[in-house]
Structures are given as structure tokens and as C-alpha cells.
Amino acid sequence: MPHATATFNGKVIAETDKWEFVEGNIYFPLDSVDKSVLSQATLTTYCPWKGTASYYNITVDGNKAKDAAWYYPQPKTEKAAPIKDYVAFYKSKVDIKSD
């Protein structure tokens, strides 16, 4: 599996060789994410097959991206189970690369 990174404001905030690809998004294992840059957001959204998504804000060197990452704490279906404890980032807010 190719290496994947997520970069915000010039800082690598997630890096892994083990990720899931769902609906065009790379989901990073939570243990590959720099949790010091995350803060819980209040936003939640709902997907019929993945369930309720919770969001994180990202802050690096004083620059903040609101609701820039999301995760599914309790995936709704067995099909979504592989992304439990994984985090995805909005490509419009975070630079995502895989090689």
C-alpha cells in the first residue's frame, strides 16, 4: 500500500502506510495522526451507511481550519466498520498525498 500524508500549514499532521480509501477520501488510522493539532468541533453530519460523523478543527502555528477532519465513532454498518478509529481530512483544507 502506498504511503499517505496529510499536511496543514506546512506541517505533516498524519502519515501512514496503512489507510482506508472510501468515497474518494483517504482515512488515516487515528494513531497515525498528530492529535496535538486536533480539537473537537461541534459539527456532526449523517451518512445513511456510515452513520454519524463527528468533526475536528485543526490548528497549526495559530492557523485554524474549522471542521477540517471527520471520523465515525460508531460506524452504522458492517461495510463502514473498517473506518472505525480512522480520520479523514477535507482536501480543500488539508493537503493529502499518497505515493
PDB file of N, CA and C in Angstrom:
ATOM      1  N   MET A   1       0.852  -1.188   0.000  1.00  0.00           N
ATOM      2  CA  MET A   1       0.000   0.000   0.000  1.00  0.00           C
ATOM      3  C   MET A   1       0.890   1.240   0.000  1.00  0.00           C
ATOM      4  N   PRO A   2       0.562   2.224  -0.817  1.00  0.00           N
ATOM      5  CA  PRO A   2       1.367   3.446  -0.858  1.00  0.00           C
ATOM      6  C   PRO A   2       1.342   4.209   0.465  1.00  0.00           C
ATOM      7  N   HIS A   3       2.350   5.023   0.645  1.00  0.00           N
ATOM      8  CA  HIS A   3       2.481   5.894   1.809  1.00  0.00           C
ATOM      9  C   HIS A   3       1.536   7.085   1.640  1.00  0.00           C
ATOM     10  N   ALA A   4       0.860   7.496   2.696  1.00  0.00           N
ATOM     11  CA  ALA A   4      -0.049   8.647   2.635  1.00  0.00           C
ATOM     12  C   ALA A   4       0.324   9.660   3.705  1.00  0.00           C
ATOM     13  N   THR A   5       0.206  10.947   3.345  1.00  0.00           N
ATOM     14  CA  THR A   5       0.459  12.025   4.301  1.00  0.00           C
ATOM     15  C   THR A   5      -0.655  13.063   4.208  1.00  0.00           C
ATOM     16  N   ALA A   6      -0.877  13.726   5.324  1.00  0.00           N
ATOM     17  CA  ALA A   6      -1.782  14.876   5.388  1.00  0.00           C
ATOM     18  C   ALA A   6      -0.966  16.031   5.958  1.00  0.00           C
ATOM     19  N   THR A   7      -0.969  17.164   5.250  1.00  0.00           N
ATOM     20  CA  THR A   7      -0.171  18.321   5.651  1.00  0.00           C
ATOM     21  C   THR A   7      -1.072  19.542   5.771  1.00  0.00           C
ATOM     22  N   PHE A   8      -0.901  20.281   6.862  1.00  0.00           N
ATOM     23  CA  PHE A   8      -1.639  21.530   7.062  1.00  0.00           C
ATOM     24  C   PHE A   8      -0.657  22.603   7.495  1.00  0.00           C
ATOM     25  N   ASN A   9      -0.702  23.749   6.828  1.00  0.00           N
ATOM     26  CA  ASN A   9       0.161  24.886   7.164  1.00  0.00           C
ATOM     27  C   ASN A   9       1.642  24.486   7.205  1.00  0.00           C
ATOM     28  N   GLY A  10       2.032  23.617   6.259  1.00  0.00           N
ATOM     29  CA  GLY A  10       3.429  23.196   6.159  1.00  0.00           C
ATOM     30  C   GLY A  10       3.856  22.113   7.120  1.00  0.00           C
ATOM     31  N   LYS A  11       2.952  21.623   7.966  1.00  0.00           N
ATOM     32  CA  LYS A  11       3.299  20.594   8.954  1.00  0.00           C
ATOM     33  C   LYS A  11       2.579  19.293   8.607  1.00  0.00           C
ATOM     34  N   VAL A  12       3.335  18.198   8.601  1.00  0.00           N
ATOM     35  CA  VAL A  12       2.717  16.888   8.413  1.00  0.00           C
ATOM     36  C   VAL A  12       1.941  16.561   9.684  1.00  0.00           C
ATOM     37  N   ILE A  13       0.628  16.359   9.527  1.00  0.00           N
ATOM     38  CA  ILE A  13      -0.226  16.090  10.696  1.00  0.00           C
ATOM     39  C   ILE A  13      -0.706  14.640  10.741  1.00  0.00           C
ATOM     40  N   ALA A  14      -0.492  13.894   9.653  1.00  0.00           N
ATOM     41  CA  ALA A  14      -0.805  12.468   9.633  1.00  0.00           C
ATOM     42  C   ALA A  14       0.070  11.805   8.585  1.00  0.00           C
ATOM     43  N   GLU A  15       0.499  10.582   8.896  1.00  0.00           N
ATOM     44  CA  GLU A  15       1.387   9.859   7.997  1.00  0.00           C
ATOM     45  C   GLU A  15       1.232   8.369   8.274  1.00  0.00           C
ATOM     46  N   THR A  16       1.019   7.594   7.193  1.00  0.00           N
ATOM     47  CA  THR A  16       0.797   6.165   7.391  1.00  0.00           C
ATOM     48  C   THR A  16       1.023   5.376   6.109  1.00  0.00           C
ATOM     49  N   ASP A  17       1.273   4.083   6.289  1.00  0.00           N
ATOM     50  CA  ASP A  17       1.308   3.140   5.177  1.00  0.00           C
ATOM     51  C   ASP A  17       0.072   2.244   5.214  1.00  0.00           C
ATOM     52  N   LYS A  18      -0.785   2.462   6.196  1.00  0.00           N
ATOM     53  CA  LYS A  18      -1.990   1.643   6.364  1.00  0.00           C
ATOM     54  C   LYS A  18      -3.188   2.584   6.436  1.00  0.00           C
ATOM     55  N   TRP A  19      -3.977   2.640   5.376  1.00  0.00           N
ATOM     56  CA  TRP A  19      -5.118   3.544   5.345  1.00  0.00           C
ATOM     57  C   TRP A  19      -6.255   2.897   4.587  1.00  0.00           C
ATOM     58  N   GLU A  20      -7.422   3.482   4.730  1.00  0.00           N
ATOM     59  CA  GLU A  20      -8.621   3.026   4.020  1.00  0.00           C
ATOM     60  C   GLU A  20      -9.025   4.102   3.025  1.00  0.00           C
ATOM     61  N   PHE A  21      -9.527   3.676   1.879  1.00  0.00           N
ATOM     62  CA  PHE A  21      -9.988   4.602   0.847  1.00  0.00           C
ATOM     63  C   PHE A  21     -11.487   4.408   0.668  1.00  0.00           C
ATOM     64  N   VAL A  22     -12.261   5.438   1.017  1.00  0.00           N
ATOM     65  CA  VAL A  22     -13.723   5.359   0.952  1.00  0.00           C
ATOM     66  C   VAL A  22     -14.255   6.622   0.286  1.00  0.00           C
ATOM     67  N   GLU A  23     -15.037   6.419  -0.752  1.00  0.00           N
ATOM     68  CA  GLU A  23     -15.698   7.520  -1.455  1.00  0.00           C
ATOM     69  C   GLU A  23     -14.740   8.667  -1.796  1.00  0.00           C
ATOM     70  N   GLY A  24     -13.560   8.316  -2.306  1.00  0.00           N
ATOM     71  CA  GLY A  24     -12.606   9.320  -2.747  1.00  0.00           C
ATOM     72  C   GLY A  24     -11.764   9.943  -1.651  1.00  0.00           C
ATOM     73  N   ASN A  25     -11.897   9.452  -0.418  1.00  0.00           N
ATOM     74  CA  ASN A  25     -11.149  10.020   0.710  1.00  0.00           C
ATOM     75  C   ASN A  25     -10.240   8.981   1.338  1.00  0.00           C
ATOM     76  N   ILE A  26      -9.037   9.421   1.701  1.00  0.00           N
ATOM     77  CA  ILE A  26      -8.123   8.574   2.462  1.00  0.00           C
ATOM     78  C   ILE A  26      -8.449   8.748   3.940  1.00  0.00           C
ATOM     79  N   TYR A  27      -8.687   7.632   4.611  1.00  0.00           N
ATOM     80  CA  TYR A  27      -8.930   7.628   6.053  1.00  0.00           C
ATOM     81  C   TYR A  27      -7.655   7.131   6.737  1.00  0.00           C
ATOM     82  N   PHE A  28      -7.105   7.968   7.606  1.00  0.00           N
ATOM     83  CA  PHE A  28      -5.874   7.673   8.333  1.00  0.00           C
ATOM     84  C   PHE A  28      -6.202   7.031   9.676  1.00  0.00           C
ATOM     85  N   PRO A  29      -5.448   6.004  10.085  1.00  0.00           N
ATOM     86  CA  PRO A  29      -5.653   5.466  11.432  1.00  0.00           C
ATOM     87  C   PRO A  29      -5.413   6.575  12.461  1.00  0.00           C
ATOM     88  N   LEU A  30      -6.228   6.619  13.485  1.00  0.00           N
ATOM     89  CA  LEU A  30      -6.104   7.673  14.495  1.00  0.00           C
ATOM     90  C   LEU A  30      -4.708   7.707  15.096  1.00  0.00           C
ATOM     91  N   ASP A  31      -4.072   6.546  15.263  1.00  0.00           N
ATOM     92  CA  ASP A  31      -2.733   6.539  15.868  1.00  0.00           C
ATOM     93  C   ASP A  31      -1.649   7.076  14.929  1.00  0.00           C
ATOM     94  N   SER A  32      -2.006   7.392  13.672  1.00  0.00           N
ATOM     95  CA  SER A  32      -1.036   7.988  12.747  1.00  0.00           C
ATOM     96  C   SER A  32      -1.190   9.509  12.655  1.00  0.00           C
ATOM     97  N   VAL A  33      -2.154  10.046  13.406  1.00  0.00           N
ATOM     98  CA  VAL A  33      -2.471  11.476  13.362  1.00  0.00           C
ATOM     99  C   VAL A  33      -1.859  12.180  14.575  1.00  0.00           C
ATOM    100  N   ASP A  34      -1.302  13.349  14.353  1.00  0.00           N
ATOM    101  CA  ASP A  34      -0.778  14.179  15.448  1.00  0.00           C
ATOM    102  C   ASP A  34      -1.979  14.790  16.178  1.00  0.00           C
ATOM    103  N   LYS A  35      -2.378  14.166  17.265  1.00  0.00           N
ATOM    104  CA  LYS A  35      -3.580  14.596  17.987  1.00  0.00           C
ATOM    105  C   LYS A  35      -3.427  15.960  18.656  1.00  0.00           C
ATOM    106  N   SER A  36      -2.183  16.432  18.781  1.00  0.00           N
ATOM    107  CA  SER A  36      -1.966  17.736  19.416  1.00  0.00           C
ATOM    108  C   SER A  36      -2.510  18.882  18.553  1.00  0.00           C
ATOM    109  N   VAL A  37      -2.742  18.645  17.269  1.00  0.00           N
ATOM    110  CA  VAL A  37      -3.260  19.702  16.384  1.00  0.00           C
ATOM    111  C   VAL A  37      -4.778  19.645  16.254  1.00  0.00           C
ATOM    112  N   LEU A  38      -5.406  18.636  16.853  1.00  0.00           N
ATOM    113  CA  LEU A  38      -6.859  18.452  16.744  1.00  0.00           C
ATOM    114  C   LEU A  38      -7.590  18.992  17.956  1.00  0.00           C
ATOM    115  N   SER A  39      -8.749  19.578  17.716  1.00  0.00           N
ATOM    116  CA  SER A  39      -9.673  19.923  18.801  1.00  0.00           C
ATOM    117  C   SER A  39     -11.070  19.549  18.338  1.00  0.00           C
ATOM    118  N   GLN A  40     -11.849  19.043  19.261  1.00  0.00           N
ATOM    119  CA  GLN A  40     -13.195  18.586  18.923  1.00  0.00           C
ATOM    120  C   GLN A  40     -14.048  19.749  18.421  1.00  0.00           C
ATOM    121  N   ALA A  41     -14.724  19.548  17.306  1.00  0.00           N
ATOM    122  CA  ALA A  41     -15.658  20.537  16.770  1.00  0.00           C
ATOM    123  C   ALA A  41     -17.070  20.148  17.195  1.00  0.00           C
ATOM    124  N   THR A  42     -18.005  21.055  17.031  1.00  0.00           N
ATOM    125  CA  THR A  42     -19.392  20.758  17.414  1.00  0.00           C
ATOM    126  C   THR A  42     -20.198  20.160  16.271  1.00  0.00           C
ATOM    127  N   LEU A  43     -19.697  20.276  15.045  1.00  0.00           N
ATOM    128  CA  LEU A  43     -20.424  19.796  13.874  1.00  0.00           C
ATOM    129  C   LEU A  43     -20.557  18.276  13.879  1.00  0.00           C
ATOM    130  N   THR A  44     -21.734  17.785  13.502  1.00  0.00           N
ATOM    131  CA  THR A  44     -21.934  16.377  13.181  1.00  0.00           C
ATOM    132  C   THR A  44     -22.742  16.317  11.890  1.00  0.00           C
ATOM    133  N   THR A  45     -22.519  15.256  11.119  1.00  0.00           N
ATOM    134  CA  THR A  45     -23.301  15.020   9.913  1.00  0.00           C
ATOM    135  C   THR A  45     -23.695  13.552   9.902  1.00  0.00           C
ATOM    136  N   TYR A  46     -24.606  13.206   9.009  1.00  0.00           N
ATOM    137  CA  TYR A  46     -25.104  11.831   8.975  1.00  0.00           C
ATOM    138  C   TYR A  46     -25.009  11.246   7.574  1.00  0.00           C
ATOM    139  N   CYS A  47     -24.537  10.029   7.488  1.00  0.00           N
ATOM    140  CA  CYS A  47     -24.492   9.259   6.248  1.00  0.00           C
ATOM    141  C   CYS A  47     -25.331   8.000   6.469  1.00  0.00           C
ATOM    142  N   PRO A  48     -26.214   7.665   5.533  1.00  0.00           N
ATOM    143  CA  PRO A  48     -27.084   6.503   5.722  1.00  0.00           C
ATOM    144  C   PRO A  48     -26.347   5.181   5.963  1.00  0.00           C
ATOM    145  N   TRP A  49     -25.156   5.004   5.397  1.00  0.00           N
ATOM    146  CA  TRP A  49     -24.471   3.720   5.600  1.00  0.00           C
ATOM    147  C   TRP A  49     -23.275   3.803   6.534  1.00  0.00           C
ATOM    148  N   LYS A  50     -22.720   5.006   6.733  1.00  0.00           N
ATOM    149  CA  LYS A  50     -21.586   5.136   7.652  1.00  0.00           C
ATOM    150  C   LYS A  50     -22.017   5.569   9.050  1.00  0.00           C
ATOM    151  N   GLY A  51     -23.127   6.273   9.145  1.00  0.00           N
ATOM    152  CA  GLY A  51     -23.616   6.723  10.450  1.00  0.00           C
ATOM    153  C   GLY A  51     -23.318   8.191  10.691  1.00  0.00           C
ATOM    154  N   THR A  52     -23.211   8.552  11.958  1.00  0.00           N
ATOM    155  CA  THR A  52     -22.986   9.945  12.349  1.00  0.00           C
ATOM    156  C   THR A  52     -21.488  10.233  12.408  1.00  0.00           C
ATOM    157  N   ALA A  53     -21.093  11.275  11.687  1.00  0.00           N
ATOM    158  CA  ALA A  53     -19.689  11.706  11.687  1.00  0.00           C
ATOM    159  C   ALA A  53     -19.511  12.832  12.695  1.00  0.00           C
ATOM    160  N   SER A  54     -18.424  12.755  13.432  1.00  0.00           N
ATOM    161  CA  SER A  54     -18.004  13.842  14.310  1.00  0.00           C
ATOM    162  C   SER A  54     -16.801  14.514  13.656  1.00  0.00           C
ATOM    163  N   TYR A  55     -16.540  15.762  14.039  1.00  0.00           N
ATOM    164  CA  TYR A  55     -15.522  16.558  13.358  1.00  0.00           C
ATOM    165  C   TYR A  55     -14.463  17.095  14.310  1.00  0.00           C
ATOM    166  N   TYR A  56     -13.303  17.375  13.730  1.00  0.00           N
ATOM    167  CA  TYR A  56     -12.206  18.037  14.431  1.00  0.00           C
ATOM    168  C   TYR A  56     -11.871  19.347  13.718  1.00  0.00           C
ATOM    169  N   ASN A  57     -11.459  20.328  14.500  1.00  0.00           N
ATOM    170  CA  ASN A  57     -10.783  21.509  13.978  1.00  0.00           C
ATOM    171  C   ASN A  57      -9.294  21.184  14.006  1.00  0.00           C
ATOM    172  N   ILE A  58      -8.537  21.829  13.132  1.00  0.00           N
ATOM    173  CA  ILE A  58      -7.084  21.640  13.099  1.00  0.00           C
ATOM    174  C   ILE A  58      -6.432  23.004  13.325  1.00  0.00           C
ATOM    175  N   THR A  59      -5.449  23.041  14.234  1.00  0.00           N
ATOM    176  CA  THR A  59      -4.708  24.274  14.489  1.00  0.00           C
ATOM    177  C   THR A  59      -3.215  23.977  14.453  1.00  0.00           C
ATOM    178  N   VAL A  60      -2.496  24.718  13.601  1.00  0.00           N
ATOM    179  CA  VAL A  60      -1.042  24.605  13.494  1.00  0.00           C
ATOM    180  C   VAL A  60      -0.474  26.019  13.450  1.00  0.00           C
ATOM    181  N   ASP A  61       0.401  26.313  14.390  1.00  0.00           N
ATOM    182  CA  ASP A  61       1.064  27.628  14.457  1.00  0.00           C
ATOM    183  C   ASP A  61       0.059  28.781  14.385  1.00  0.00           C
ATOM    184  N   GLY A  62      -1.047  28.637  15.090  1.00  0.00           N
ATOM    185  CA  GLY A  62      -2.049  29.697  15.159  1.00  0.00           C
ATOM    186  C   GLY A  62      -3.024  29.726  13.995  1.00  0.00           C
ATOM    187  N   ASN A  63      -2.780  28.947  12.954  1.00  0.00           N
ATOM    188  CA  ASN A  63      -3.710  28.874  11.818  1.00  0.00           C
ATOM    189  C   ASN A  63      -4.700  27.741  12.047  1.00  0.00           C
ATOM    190  N   LYS A  64      -5.991  28.069  11.928  1.00  0.00           N
ATOM    191  CA  LYS A  64      -7.039  27.101  12.250  1.00  0.00           C
ATOM    192  C   LYS A  64      -7.887  26.786  11.026  1.00  0.00           C
ATOM    193  N   ALA A  65      -8.173  25.508  10.854  1.00  0.00           N
ATOM    194  CA  ALA A  65      -9.115  25.050   9.832  1.00  0.00           C
ATOM    195  C   ALA A  65     -10.298  24.425  10.566  1.00  0.00           C
ATOM    196  N   LYS A  66     -11.439  25.081  10.472  1.00  0.00           N
ATOM    197  CA  LYS A  66     -12.630  24.646  11.194  1.00  0.00           C
ATOM    198  C   LYS A  66     -13.264  23.450  10.495  1.00  0.00           C
ATOM    199  N   ASP A  67     -13.667  22.447  11.276  1.00  0.00           N
ATOM    200  CA  ASP A  67     -14.354  21.257  10.760  1.00  0.00           C
ATOM    201  C   ASP A  67     -13.570  20.621   9.608  1.00  0.00           C
ATOM    202  N   ALA A  68     -12.273  20.518   9.744  1.00  0.00           N
ATOM    203  CA  ALA A  68     -11.411  20.073   8.643  1.00  0.00           C
ATOM    204  C   ALA A  68     -11.196  18.568   8.591  1.00  0.00           C
ATOM    205  N   ALA A  69     -11.554  17.867   9.649  1.00  0.00           N
ATOM    206  CA  ALA A  69     -11.372  16.414   9.689  1.00  0.00           C
ATOM    207  C   ALA A  69     -12.621  15.778  10.281  1.00  0.00           C
ATOM    208  N   TRP A  70     -12.893  14.567   9.854  1.00  0.00           N
ATOM    209  CA  TRP A  70     -14.067  13.877  10.396  1.00  0.00           C
ATOM    210  C   TRP A  70     -13.760  12.407  10.640  1.00  0.00           C
ATOM    211  N   TYR A  71     -14.602  11.817  11.483  1.00  0.00           N
ATOM    212  CA  TYR A  71     -14.455  10.395  11.831  1.00  0.00           C
ATOM    213  C   TYR A  71     -15.818   9.853  12.239  1.00  0.00           C
ATOM    214  N   TYR A  72     -15.918   8.540  12.221  1.00  0.00           N
ATOM    215  CA  TYR A  72     -17.161   7.855  12.591  1.00  0.00           C
ATOM    216  C   TYR A  72     -16.904   7.044  13.857  1.00  0.00           C
ATOM    217  N   PRO A  73     -17.296   7.575  15.030  1.00  0.00           N
ATOM    218  CA  PRO A  73     -17.011   6.867  16.280  1.00  0.00           C
ATOM    219  C   PRO A  73     -17.738   5.522  16.381  1.00  0.00           C
ATOM    220  N   GLN A  74     -18.901   5.426  15.789  1.00  0.00           N
ATOM    221  CA  GLN A  74     -19.689   4.186  15.808  1.00  0.00           C
ATOM    222  C   GLN A  74     -20.247   3.939  14.409  1.00  0.00           C
ATOM    223  N   PRO A  75     -19.447   3.367  13.495  1.00  0.00           N
ATOM    224  CA  PRO A  75     -19.954   3.131  12.145  1.00  0.00           C
ATOM    225  C   PRO A  75     -21.262   2.342  12.182  1.00  0.00           C
ATOM    226  N   LYS A  76     -22.183   2.722  11.313  1.00  0.00           N
ATOM    227  CA  LYS A  76     -23.540   2.177  11.334  1.00  0.00           C
ATOM    228  C   LYS A  76     -23.632   0.767  10.756  1.00  0.00           C
ATOM    229  N   THR A  77     -22.855   0.485   9.729  1.00  0.00           N
ATOM    230  CA  THR A  77     -22.980  -0.802   9.050  1.00  0.00           C
ATOM    231  C   THR A  77     -21.656  -1.559   9.065  1.00  0.00           C
ATOM    232  N   GLU A  78     -21.733  -2.834   8.767  1.00  0.00           N
ATOM    233  CA  GLU A  78     -20.537  -3.654   8.686  1.00  0.00           C
ATOM    234  C   GLU A  78     -19.618  -3.161   7.567  1.00  0.00           C
ATOM    235  N   LYS A  79     -20.220  -2.651   6.507  1.00  0.00           N
ATOM    236  CA  LYS A  79     -19.443  -2.113   5.386  1.00  0.00           C
ATOM    237  C   LYS A  79     -18.565  -0.931   5.832  1.00  0.00           C
ATOM    238  N   ALA A  80     -19.033  -0.148   6.805  1.00  0.00           N
ATOM    239  CA  ALA A  80     -18.286   1.009   7.298  1.00  0.00           C
ATOM    240  C   ALA A  80     -17.343   0.665   8.450  1.00  0.00           C
ATOM    241  N   ALA A  81     -17.415  -0.551   8.967  1.00  0.00           N
ATOM    242  CA  ALA A  81     -16.601  -0.937  10.126  1.00  0.00           C
ATOM    243  C   ALA A  81     -15.096  -0.700   9.936  1.00  0.00           C
ATOM    244  N   PRO A  82     -14.535  -0.876   8.737  1.00  0.00           N
ATOM    245  CA  PRO A  82     -13.085  -0.656   8.591  1.00  0.00           C
ATOM    246  C   PRO A  82     -12.616   0.779   8.869  1.00  0.00           C
ATOM    247  N   ILE A  83     -13.521   1.757   8.881  1.00  0.00           N
ATOM    248  CA  ILE A  83     -13.073   3.137   9.142  1.00  0.00           C
ATOM    249  C   ILE A  83     -13.288   3.565  10.595  1.00  0.00           C
ATOM    250  N   LYS A  84     -13.689   2.635  11.449  1.00  0.00           N
ATOM    251  CA  LYS A  84     -13.763   2.962  12.882  1.00  0.00           C
ATOM    252  C   LYS A  84     -12.339   3.259  13.358  1.00  0.00           C
ATOM    253  N   ASP A  85     -12.182   4.327  14.133  1.00  0.00           N
ATOM    254  CA  ASP A  85     -10.877   4.766  14.634  1.00  0.00           C
ATOM    255  C   ASP A  85      -9.962   5.275  13.521  1.00  0.00           C
ATOM    256  N   TYR A  86     -10.571   5.753  12.433  1.00  0.00           N
ATOM    257  CA  TYR A  86      -9.843   6.378  11.327  1.00  0.00           C
ATOM    258  C   TYR A  86     -10.364   7.799  11.145  1.00  0.00           C
ATOM    259  N   VAL A  87      -9.499   8.677  10.607  1.00  0.00           N
ATOM    260  CA  VAL A  87      -9.836  10.086  10.418  1.00  0.00           C
ATOM    261  C   VAL A  87      -9.582  10.464   8.952  1.00  0.00           C
ATOM    262  N   ALA A  88     -10.516  11.212   8.374  1.00  0.00           N
ATOM    263  CA  ALA A  88     -10.344  11.745   7.016  1.00  0.00           C
ATOM    264  C   ALA A  88     -10.269  13.267   7.097  1.00  0.00           C
ATOM    265  N   PHE A  89      -9.660  13.861   6.085  1.00  0.00           N
ATOM    266  CA  PHE A  89      -9.465  15.310   6.046  1.00  0.00           C
ATOM    267  C   PHE A  89     -10.063  15.877   4.772  1.00  0.00           C
ATOM    268  N   TYR A  90     -10.642  17.076   4.864  1.00  0.00           N
ATOM    269  CA  TYR A  90     -11.144  17.759   3.671  1.00  0.00           C
ATOM    270  C   TYR A  90      -9.968  18.167   2.795  1.00  0.00           C
ATOM    271  N   LYS A  91      -9.986  17.720   1.560  1.00  0.00           N
ATOM    272  CA  LYS A  91      -8.899  18.020   0.632  1.00  0.00           C
ATOM    273  C   LYS A  91      -8.818  19.512   0.314  1.00  0.00           C
ATOM    274  N   SER A  92      -9.900  20.233   0.529  1.00  0.00           N
ATOM    275  CA  SER A  92      -9.878  21.681   0.298  1.00  0.00           C
ATOM    276  C   SER A  92      -9.218  22.438   1.454  1.00  0.00           C
ATOM    277  N   LYS A  93      -8.986  21.737   2.579  1.00  0.00           N
ATOM    278  CA  LYS A  93      -8.400  22.385   3.754  1.00  0.00           C
ATOM    279  C   LYS A  93      -7.039  21.808   4.137  1.00  0.00           C
ATOM    280  N   VAL A  94      -6.797  20.553   3.760  1.00  0.00           N
ATOM    281  CA  VAL A  94      -5.575  19.846   4.129  1.00  0.00           C
ATOM    282  C   VAL A  94      -5.002  19.217   2.858  1.00  0.00           C
ATOM    283  N   ASP A  95      -3.697  19.278   2.704  1.00  0.00           N
ATOM    284  CA  ASP A  95      -3.047  18.682   1.533  1.00  0.00           C
ATOM    285  C   ASP A  95      -2.841  17.188   1.789  1.00  0.00           C
ATOM    286  N   ILE A  96      -3.515  16.352   0.987  1.00  0.00           N
ATOM    287  CA  ILE A  96      -3.439  14.899   1.123  1.00  0.00           C
ATOM    288  C   ILE A  96      -2.652  14.340  -0.058  1.00  0.00           C
ATOM    289  N   LYS A  97      -1.667  13.502   0.258  1.00  0.00           N
ATOM    290  CA  LYS A  97      -0.874  12.883  -0.805  1.00  0.00           C
ATOM    291  C   LYS A  97      -0.678  11.402  -0.511  1.00  0.00           C
ATOM    292  N   SER A  98      -0.651  10.605  -1.570  1.00  0.00           N
ATOM    293  CA  SER A  98      -0.253   9.204  -1.451  1.00  0.00           C
ATOM    294  C   SER A  98       0.674   8.896  -2.612  1.00  0.00           C
ATOM    295  N   ASP A  99       1.700   8.083  -2.333  1.00  0.00           N
ATOM    296  CA  ASP A  99       2.641   7.739  -3.408  1.00  0.00           C
ATOM    297  C   ASP A  99       2.865   6.252  -3.485  1.00  0.00           C
TER     298      ASP A  99
END
